[in-house]
Protein backbone atom coordinates (compact mmCIF):
# COMPACT_ATOMS: atom_id res chain seq x y z
CA MET A 1 -4.89 -52.34 1.50
CA THR A 2 -5.86 -51.22 -1.96
CA TYR A 3 -3.88 -48.75 -4.03
CA SER A 4 -6.37 -46.02 -3.20
CA GLN A 5 -6.13 -46.71 0.52
CA ASP A 6 -2.33 -46.75 0.31
CA GLN A 7 -2.27 -43.35 -1.41
CA ARG A 8 -4.69 -41.85 1.08
CA ALA A 9 -2.52 -43.10 3.94
CA LEU A 10 0.60 -41.64 2.30
CA ALA A 11 -1.10 -38.27 1.77
CA GLY A 12 -2.25 -38.27 5.39
CA ARG A 13 1.29 -38.99 6.60
CA TRP A 14 2.72 -36.26 4.35
CA LYS A 15 0.17 -33.80 5.75
CA LEU A 16 1.15 -34.60 9.33
CA HIS A 17 4.90 -34.41 8.77
CA THR A 18 5.42 -31.69 6.16
CA SER A 19 6.87 -28.37 7.21
CA THR A 20 4.90 -26.59 4.47
CA LEU A 21 1.64 -26.62 6.46
CA ASP A 22 0.57 -24.81 9.61
CA GLU A 23 -0.47 -27.08 12.47
CA ALA A 24 -4.09 -25.94 12.01
CA ALA A 25 -4.02 -27.35 8.45
CA LYS A 26 -3.01 -30.81 9.64
CA VAL A 27 -6.30 -31.80 11.27
CA PRO A 28 -8.53 -34.39 9.56
CA SER A 29 -11.18 -32.61 7.51
CA PRO A 30 -14.18 -33.48 5.34
CA TYR A 31 -13.88 -33.39 1.57
CA MET A 32 -15.55 -30.29 0.13
CA THR A 33 -17.69 -31.10 -2.90
CA LYS A 34 -18.00 -28.98 -6.02
CA ASP A 35 -21.18 -27.49 -4.49
CA GLY A 36 -19.12 -26.22 -1.56
CA ALA A 37 -20.74 -28.71 0.81
CA SER A 38 -18.90 -30.92 3.22
CA ALA A 39 -19.09 -34.57 2.13
CA GLY A 40 -19.19 -36.95 5.05
CA HIS A 41 -16.70 -37.44 7.81
CA ALA A 42 -13.19 -36.04 8.22
CA HIS A 43 -10.25 -37.59 6.36
CA ASP A 44 -6.52 -37.38 6.97
CA PHE A 45 -5.99 -36.73 3.23
CA CYS A 46 -8.15 -33.57 3.16
CA LEU A 47 -7.20 -30.11 4.36
CA PRO A 48 -9.53 -27.82 6.27
CA ALA A 49 -11.45 -25.71 3.73
CA GLU A 50 -9.67 -22.50 4.77
CA TYR A 51 -6.33 -24.16 3.86
CA ALA A 52 -7.42 -25.64 0.50
CA THR A 53 -4.90 -23.54 -1.47
CA PHE A 54 -2.18 -25.33 0.50
CA SER A 55 -2.97 -28.49 -1.46
CA LEU A 56 -0.72 -26.76 -4.00
CA LEU A 57 2.97 -26.95 -3.16
CA PRO A 58 4.64 -23.65 -2.21
CA GLU A 59 6.71 -23.42 -5.38
CA VAL A 60 3.66 -23.59 -7.67
CA ARG A 61 0.90 -22.12 -5.50
CA GLU A 62 0.94 -18.42 -6.44
CA PRO A 63 1.81 -18.89 -10.13
CA ALA A 64 -0.87 -21.58 -10.53
CA LEU A 65 -3.55 -19.55 -8.77
CA ALA A 66 -2.70 -16.56 -10.98
CA LEU A 67 -2.64 -18.67 -14.17
CA PHE A 68 -5.98 -20.37 -13.45
CA SER A 69 -7.54 -17.00 -12.64
CA ALA A 70 -6.14 -15.28 -15.74
CA LEU A 71 -7.25 -18.08 -18.07
CA GLY A 72 -10.63 -18.67 -16.41
CA ILE A 73 -9.77 -22.27 -15.59
CA PRO A 74 -12.17 -23.70 -13.03
CA TRP A 75 -10.71 -25.76 -10.22
CA HIS A 76 -12.29 -29.19 -9.84
CA ALA A 77 -14.28 -29.35 -6.58
CA SER A 78 -13.21 -25.77 -5.97
CA VAL A 79 -13.15 -24.35 -2.46
CA ASP A 80 -13.95 -20.62 -2.64
CA GLY A 81 -12.74 -20.36 -6.23
CA GLY A 82 -9.42 -22.11 -5.52
CA PRO A 83 -8.24 -25.70 -5.67
CA SER A 84 -9.79 -28.70 -3.96
CA ASN A 85 -8.97 -29.48 -0.35
CA HIS A 86 -8.42 -33.14 -1.35
CA LEU A 87 -4.68 -33.82 -1.44
CA LEU A 88 -5.15 -36.54 -4.06
CA SER A 89 -7.19 -34.44 -6.49
CA SER A 90 -5.90 -35.30 -9.95
CA GLN A 91 -5.95 -31.63 -10.97
CA VAL A 92 -4.04 -30.56 -7.86
CA GLN A 93 -1.49 -33.34 -8.36
CA CYS A 94 -1.06 -32.41 -12.02
CA VAL A 95 -0.41 -28.77 -11.11
CA ASN A 96 2.01 -29.81 -8.36
CA ALA A 97 3.94 -32.12 -10.71
CA LEU A 98 3.96 -29.92 -13.80
CA GLY A 99 3.45 -26.36 -12.54
CA GLN A 100 7.10 -25.35 -12.66
CA MET A 101 7.28 -26.40 -16.32
CA VAL A 102 4.89 -23.64 -17.42
CA SER A 103 7.71 -21.12 -17.77
CA ASP A 104 10.74 -23.42 -17.76
CA PRO A 105 11.26 -25.22 -21.08
CA GLY A 106 14.35 -26.92 -19.63
CA ARG A 107 12.15 -28.78 -17.14
CA VAL A 108 9.88 -29.95 -19.95
CA GLN A 109 12.91 -31.13 -21.90
CA ARG A 110 14.42 -32.96 -18.91
CA ALA A 111 11.14 -34.63 -17.98
CA PHE A 112 9.91 -35.68 -21.42
CA GLY A 113 12.67 -35.02 -23.97
CA GLN A 114 14.00 -38.55 -24.28
CA LEU A 115 10.60 -40.22 -24.13
CA LEU A 116 9.03 -37.98 -26.77
CA GLU A 117 12.16 -37.12 -28.79
CA ILE A 118 11.71 -33.40 -28.18
CA ASP A 119 14.22 -31.29 -30.10
CA GLN A 120 12.88 -27.94 -28.96
CA VAL A 121 10.19 -26.90 -26.49
CA LEU A 122 7.87 -24.34 -28.05
CA GLU A 123 5.37 -22.01 -26.45
CA ILE A 124 1.82 -23.36 -26.44
CA GLU A 125 0.49 -19.97 -25.34
CA PRO A 126 2.37 -16.66 -25.11
CA GLY A 127 4.98 -17.00 -22.36
CA ARG A 128 3.97 -20.60 -21.57
CA ASN A 129 5.70 -23.81 -22.56
CA LEU A 130 3.08 -25.86 -20.74
CA THR A 131 -0.44 -24.96 -19.73
CA PHE A 132 -3.49 -26.53 -18.11
CA GLU A 133 -6.95 -27.41 -19.46
CA TYR A 134 -5.87 -26.29 -22.94
CA ILE A 135 -8.72 -26.21 -25.47
CA GLY A 136 -7.17 -24.51 -28.49
CA PRO A 137 -8.76 -21.84 -30.68
CA THR A 138 -11.06 -24.12 -32.72
CA ASP A 139 -14.05 -26.09 -31.42
CA TYR A 140 -13.50 -29.15 -33.61
CA PHE A 141 -15.77 -31.36 -31.49
CA LYS A 142 -18.63 -28.83 -31.15
CA GLU A 143 -18.30 -28.95 -27.37
CA VAL A 144 -19.81 -25.48 -26.90
CA PRO A 145 -22.03 -24.95 -29.95
CA GLY A 146 -23.15 -21.43 -30.73
CA LYS A 147 -20.34 -19.83 -28.74
CA GLU A 148 -18.16 -17.50 -30.76
CA ALA A 149 -15.47 -17.02 -28.12
CA ARG A 150 -14.03 -20.15 -26.57
CA SER A 151 -12.96 -20.23 -22.95
CA ARG A 152 -11.91 -22.94 -20.58
CA ARG A 153 -14.64 -21.86 -18.16
CA ALA A 154 -17.40 -22.03 -20.81
CA LEU A 155 -16.32 -25.56 -21.73
CA HIS A 156 -16.67 -26.68 -18.10
CA GLU A 157 -20.04 -24.93 -17.71
CA HIS A 158 -21.49 -26.66 -20.77
């Protein structure tokens, strides 16, 4: 098996055995594309579309959904405005791994402090020590020319 196949098999096994999903969410399902269309046959590593938000772990789900909504961050291959139904989505995995660090500088310090020689964790945005899809206030690379106000959504729509 390849690495990709191994990870898909692991995600499928997690889906079947986790207690964080309803039984109805454990059925093989097609991947939903960014157009909202079903792409091909059903996979063990995809959730049914109506359970796509459950690709986010319980401890980060509500805060992440609220944060992405408040900041206008688009979900990659979004299902009904929420996250992808693909359990191995890089964006979903990033949120699952780092989501609790948004408001917990101690977690950032423990995870990265020794590797990056962090003395103090500062806020990157008000009330946030970590954020997602950060673009900063200045468009140095002219990614959205002619736009006065920068937003994460506008950058993705460009």
